[in-house]
Amino acid sequence: MSKTSVITARLDPETLELVDKVAKSHGRSRAWFAAHAIQRVAESEADFLAFVQVGIDAADRGELIPQDEVFAKIRARRQGREAA
């Protein structure tokens, strides 16, 4: 069995009721739901941070798109949608 740690979080009654409802619908405990939710959010945030870092690294290498090019692409997309 892998090592686990305990954390504590305070929830308002409405959120706790929702947690209990969802956990029960999955046949799981409140603790399972909390751990699962934290894991999913942490993984999502880590993915986002990695995505942002890719952009930062590209900018550090000077791989930038001039602002006028970005705006031109946005205008072209908008015009394409309006024509459709």
N, C-alpha and C. Protein backbone atom coordinates (compact mmCIF):
# COMPACT_ATOMS: atom_id res chain seq x y z
N MET A 1 0.84 -1.18 0.00
CA MET A 1 0.00 0.00 0.00
C MET A 1 0.88 1.24 0.00
N SER A 2 0.53 2.22 -0.82
CA SER A 2 1.33 3.43 -0.89
C SER A 2 1.03 4.33 0.31
N LYS A 3 2.00 5.15 0.62
CA LYS A 3 1.85 6.07 1.75
C LYS A 3 0.89 7.19 1.38
N THR A 4 0.06 7.56 2.31
CA THR A 4 -0.88 8.66 2.09
C THR A 4 -0.71 9.67 3.22
N SER A 5 -1.24 10.85 2.99
CA SER A 5 -1.21 11.90 4.00
C SER A 5 -2.62 12.42 4.20
N VAL A 6 -2.85 13.00 5.36
CA VAL A 6 -4.15 13.54 5.69
C VAL A 6 -4.10 15.05 5.57
N ILE A 7 -5.13 15.64 4.94
CA ILE A 7 -5.28 17.08 4.92
C ILE A 7 -6.67 17.41 5.46
N THR A 8 -6.85 18.64 5.85
CA THR A 8 -8.14 19.09 6.37
C THR A 8 -8.60 20.28 5.56
N ALA A 9 -9.88 20.29 5.25
CA ALA A 9 -10.46 21.42 4.51
C ALA A 9 -11.81 21.76 5.14
N ARG A 10 -12.11 23.03 5.20
CA ARG A 10 -13.40 23.47 5.71
C ARG A 10 -14.33 23.74 4.54
N LEU A 11 -15.53 23.19 4.61
CA LEU A 11 -16.52 23.37 3.56
C LEU A 11 -17.81 23.94 4.15
N ASP A 12 -18.46 24.75 3.36
CA ASP A 12 -19.77 25.24 3.80
C ASP A 12 -20.77 24.08 3.70
N PRO A 13 -21.88 24.17 4.42
CA PRO A 13 -22.84 23.06 4.45
C PRO A 13 -23.36 22.66 3.07
N GLU A 14 -23.57 23.62 2.18
CA GLU A 14 -24.09 23.29 0.86
C GLU A 14 -23.08 22.47 0.05
N THR A 15 -21.81 22.86 0.12
CA THR A 15 -20.78 22.11 -0.61
C THR A 15 -20.62 20.72 -0.04
N LEU A 16 -20.63 20.61 1.29
CA LEU A 16 -20.50 19.30 1.93
C LEU A 16 -21.67 18.40 1.54
N GLU A 17 -22.86 18.96 1.48
CA GLU A 17 -24.02 18.18 1.07
C GLU A 17 -23.85 17.67 -0.37
N LEU A 18 -23.33 18.52 -1.23
CA LEU A 18 -23.08 18.13 -2.61
C LEU A 18 -22.02 17.04 -2.69
N VAL A 19 -20.95 17.19 -1.93
CA VAL A 19 -19.89 16.17 -1.88
C VAL A 19 -20.49 14.84 -1.46
N ASP A 20 -21.27 14.85 -0.40
CA ASP A 20 -21.88 13.61 0.09
C ASP A 20 -22.80 12.99 -0.96
N LYS A 21 -23.57 13.81 -1.64
CA LYS A 21 -24.49 13.32 -2.67
C LYS A 21 -23.73 12.65 -3.81
N VAL A 22 -22.68 13.32 -4.29
CA VAL A 22 -21.91 12.77 -5.40
C VAL A 22 -21.16 11.52 -4.97
N ALA A 23 -20.53 11.56 -3.81
CA ALA A 23 -19.80 10.39 -3.31
C ALA A 23 -20.74 9.20 -3.19
N LYS A 24 -21.91 9.42 -2.63
CA LYS A 24 -22.89 8.35 -2.45
C LYS A 24 -23.32 7.78 -3.79
N SER A 25 -23.51 8.65 -4.79
CA SER A 25 -23.94 8.18 -6.11
C SER A 25 -22.89 7.27 -6.75
N HIS A 26 -21.63 7.43 -6.35
CA HIS A 26 -20.55 6.58 -6.86
C HIS A 26 -20.28 5.39 -5.94
N GLY A 27 -21.02 5.33 -4.84
CA GLY A 27 -20.78 4.26 -3.88
C GLY A 27 -19.44 4.41 -3.18
N ARG A 28 -19.02 5.65 -3.01
CA ARG A 28 -17.71 5.94 -2.41
C ARG A 28 -17.86 6.79 -1.16
N SER A 29 -16.77 6.89 -0.44
CA SER A 29 -16.76 7.70 0.78
C SER A 29 -16.48 9.16 0.45
N ARG A 30 -16.76 9.99 1.41
CA ARG A 30 -16.43 11.41 1.32
C ARG A 30 -14.92 11.58 1.10
N ALA A 31 -14.12 10.80 1.81
CA ALA A 31 -12.66 10.89 1.69
C ALA A 31 -12.20 10.51 0.29
N TRP A 32 -12.80 9.45 -0.28
CA TRP A 32 -12.45 9.05 -1.64
C TRP A 32 -12.75 10.18 -2.61
N PHE A 33 -13.95 10.76 -2.47
CA PHE A 33 -14.35 11.84 -3.37
C PHE A 33 -13.38 13.01 -3.27
N ALA A 34 -13.05 13.42 -2.05
CA ALA A 34 -12.15 14.56 -1.86
C ALA A 34 -10.78 14.27 -2.49
N ALA A 35 -10.24 13.08 -2.24
CA ALA A 35 -8.93 12.73 -2.80
C ALA A 35 -8.98 12.71 -4.32
N HIS A 36 -10.05 12.13 -4.87
CA HIS A 36 -10.21 12.05 -6.32
C HIS A 36 -10.34 13.45 -6.93
N ALA A 37 -11.13 14.30 -6.32
CA ALA A 37 -11.32 15.66 -6.82
C ALA A 37 -10.02 16.46 -6.77
N ILE A 38 -9.31 16.36 -5.67
CA ILE A 38 -8.03 17.07 -5.53
C ILE A 38 -7.04 16.58 -6.58
N GLN A 39 -6.99 15.27 -6.79
CA GLN A 39 -6.08 14.72 -7.78
C GLN A 39 -6.40 15.25 -9.18
N ARG A 40 -7.67 15.25 -9.54
CA ARG A 40 -8.07 15.72 -10.87
C ARG A 40 -7.74 17.20 -11.06
N VAL A 41 -8.01 18.01 -10.07
CA VAL A 41 -7.73 19.44 -10.19
C VAL A 41 -6.22 19.69 -10.23
N ALA A 42 -5.48 18.99 -9.39
CA ALA A 42 -4.02 19.16 -9.37
C ALA A 42 -3.41 18.77 -10.71
N GLU A 43 -3.88 17.66 -11.30
CA GLU A 43 -3.37 17.25 -12.61
C GLU A 43 -3.72 18.27 -13.69
N SER A 44 -4.94 18.79 -13.64
CA SER A 44 -5.36 19.80 -14.60
C SER A 44 -4.52 21.07 -14.48
N GLU A 45 -4.30 21.51 -13.26
CA GLU A 45 -3.48 22.71 -13.04
C GLU A 45 -2.04 22.48 -13.47
N ALA A 46 -1.50 21.29 -13.22
CA ALA A 46 -0.13 20.98 -13.64
C ALA A 46 -0.04 21.00 -15.17
N ASP A 47 -1.05 20.46 -15.85
CA ASP A 47 -1.07 20.50 -17.31
C ASP A 47 -1.09 21.95 -17.81
N PHE A 48 -1.91 22.78 -17.18
CA PHE A 48 -2.00 24.19 -17.57
C PHE A 48 -0.66 24.89 -17.37
N LEU A 49 -0.03 24.65 -16.22
CA LEU A 49 1.26 25.28 -15.95
C LEU A 49 2.31 24.84 -16.98
N ALA A 50 2.27 23.57 -17.37
CA ALA A 50 3.21 23.08 -18.38
C ALA A 50 2.94 23.76 -19.72
N PHE A 51 1.68 23.94 -20.06
CA PHE A 51 1.29 24.62 -21.30
C PHE A 51 1.80 26.06 -21.30
N VAL A 52 1.62 26.75 -20.19
CA VAL A 52 2.11 28.13 -20.08
C VAL A 52 3.63 28.16 -20.20
N GLN A 53 4.30 27.18 -19.59
CA GLN A 53 5.76 27.15 -19.64
C GLN A 53 6.26 26.99 -21.07
N VAL A 54 5.53 26.23 -21.89
CA VAL A 54 5.90 26.09 -23.31
C VAL A 54 5.92 27.46 -23.97
N GLY A 55 4.90 28.28 -23.68
CA GLY A 55 4.85 29.63 -24.24
C GLY A 55 5.97 30.52 -23.72
N ILE A 56 6.24 30.42 -22.44
CA ILE A 56 7.33 31.21 -21.84
C ILE A 56 8.67 30.82 -22.47
N ASP A 57 8.89 29.52 -22.61
CA ASP A 57 10.14 29.04 -23.21
C ASP A 57 10.27 29.53 -24.65
N ALA A 58 9.16 29.50 -25.42
CA ALA A 58 9.19 29.99 -26.79
C ALA A 58 9.51 31.48 -26.82
N ALA A 59 8.90 32.24 -25.92
CA ALA A 59 9.17 33.68 -25.85
C ALA A 59 10.63 33.93 -25.49
N ASP A 60 11.15 33.15 -24.56
CA ASP A 60 12.56 33.31 -24.17
C ASP A 60 13.50 33.05 -25.35
N ARG A 61 13.08 32.17 -26.28
CA ARG A 61 13.89 31.89 -27.46
C ARG A 61 13.65 32.91 -28.56
N GLY A 62 12.76 33.86 -28.30
CA GLY A 62 12.46 34.88 -29.30
C GLY A 62 11.44 34.46 -30.33
N GLU A 63 10.76 33.35 -30.08
CA GLU A 63 9.75 32.84 -31.01
C GLU A 63 8.42 33.52 -30.72
N LEU A 64 8.28 34.75 -31.19
CA LEU A 64 7.09 35.54 -30.91
C LEU A 64 6.38 35.89 -32.21
N ILE A 65 5.08 36.13 -32.11
CA ILE A 65 4.29 36.58 -33.25
C ILE A 65 3.97 38.05 -33.02
N PRO A 66 4.30 38.90 -33.97
CA PRO A 66 4.01 40.32 -33.79
C PRO A 66 2.51 40.56 -33.56
N GLN A 67 2.20 41.56 -32.76
CA GLN A 67 0.83 41.85 -32.38
C GLN A 67 -0.06 42.11 -33.59
N ASP A 68 0.45 42.82 -34.58
CA ASP A 68 -0.39 43.11 -35.75
C ASP A 68 -0.76 41.85 -36.51
N GLU A 69 0.11 40.85 -36.53
CA GLU A 69 -0.22 39.57 -37.16
C GLU A 69 -1.32 38.84 -36.39
N VAL A 70 -1.23 38.87 -35.08
CA VAL A 70 -2.25 38.23 -34.25
C VAL A 70 -3.60 38.87 -34.50
N PHE A 71 -3.66 40.21 -34.47
CA PHE A 71 -4.91 40.91 -34.70
C PHE A 71 -5.45 40.65 -36.11
N ALA A 72 -4.58 40.56 -37.09
CA ALA A 72 -5.01 40.27 -38.46
C ALA A 72 -5.65 38.88 -38.54
N LYS A 73 -5.07 37.90 -37.86
CA LYS A 73 -5.64 36.55 -37.85
C LYS A 73 -7.00 36.54 -37.14
N ILE A 74 -7.11 37.29 -36.06
CA ILE A 74 -8.39 37.36 -35.34
C ILE A 74 -9.45 38.00 -36.23
N ARG A 75 -9.10 39.10 -36.89
CA ARG A 75 -10.05 39.77 -37.79
C ARG A 75 -10.49 38.84 -38.91
N ALA A 76 -9.56 38.08 -39.48
CA ALA A 76 -9.88 37.17 -40.57
C ALA A 76 -10.84 36.07 -40.09
N ARG A 77 -10.61 35.56 -38.90
CA ARG A 77 -11.52 34.53 -38.36
C ARG A 77 -12.91 35.09 -38.11
N ARG A 78 -12.96 36.28 -37.55
CA ARG A 78 -14.25 36.91 -37.29
C ARG A 78 -15.01 37.13 -38.59
N GLN A 79 -14.31 37.61 -39.61
CA GLN A 79 -14.95 37.85 -40.90
C GLN A 79 -15.45 36.54 -41.52
N GLY A 80 -14.69 35.48 -41.33
CA GLY A 80 -15.10 34.18 -41.83
C GLY A 80 -16.37 33.68 -41.16
N ARG A 81 -16.49 33.92 -39.87
CA ARG A 81 -17.70 33.51 -39.14
C ARG A 81 -18.90 34.35 -39.54
N GLU A 82 -18.67 35.64 -39.74
CA GLU A 82 -19.77 36.54 -40.10
C GLU A 82 -20.28 36.24 -41.50
N ALA A 83 -19.40 35.78 -42.37
CA ALA A 83 -19.80 35.46 -43.74
C ALA A 83 -20.60 34.16 -43.80
N ALA A 84 -20.40 33.29 -42.82
CA ALA A 84 -21.07 31.98 -42.82
C ALA A 84 -22.52 32.04 -42.44
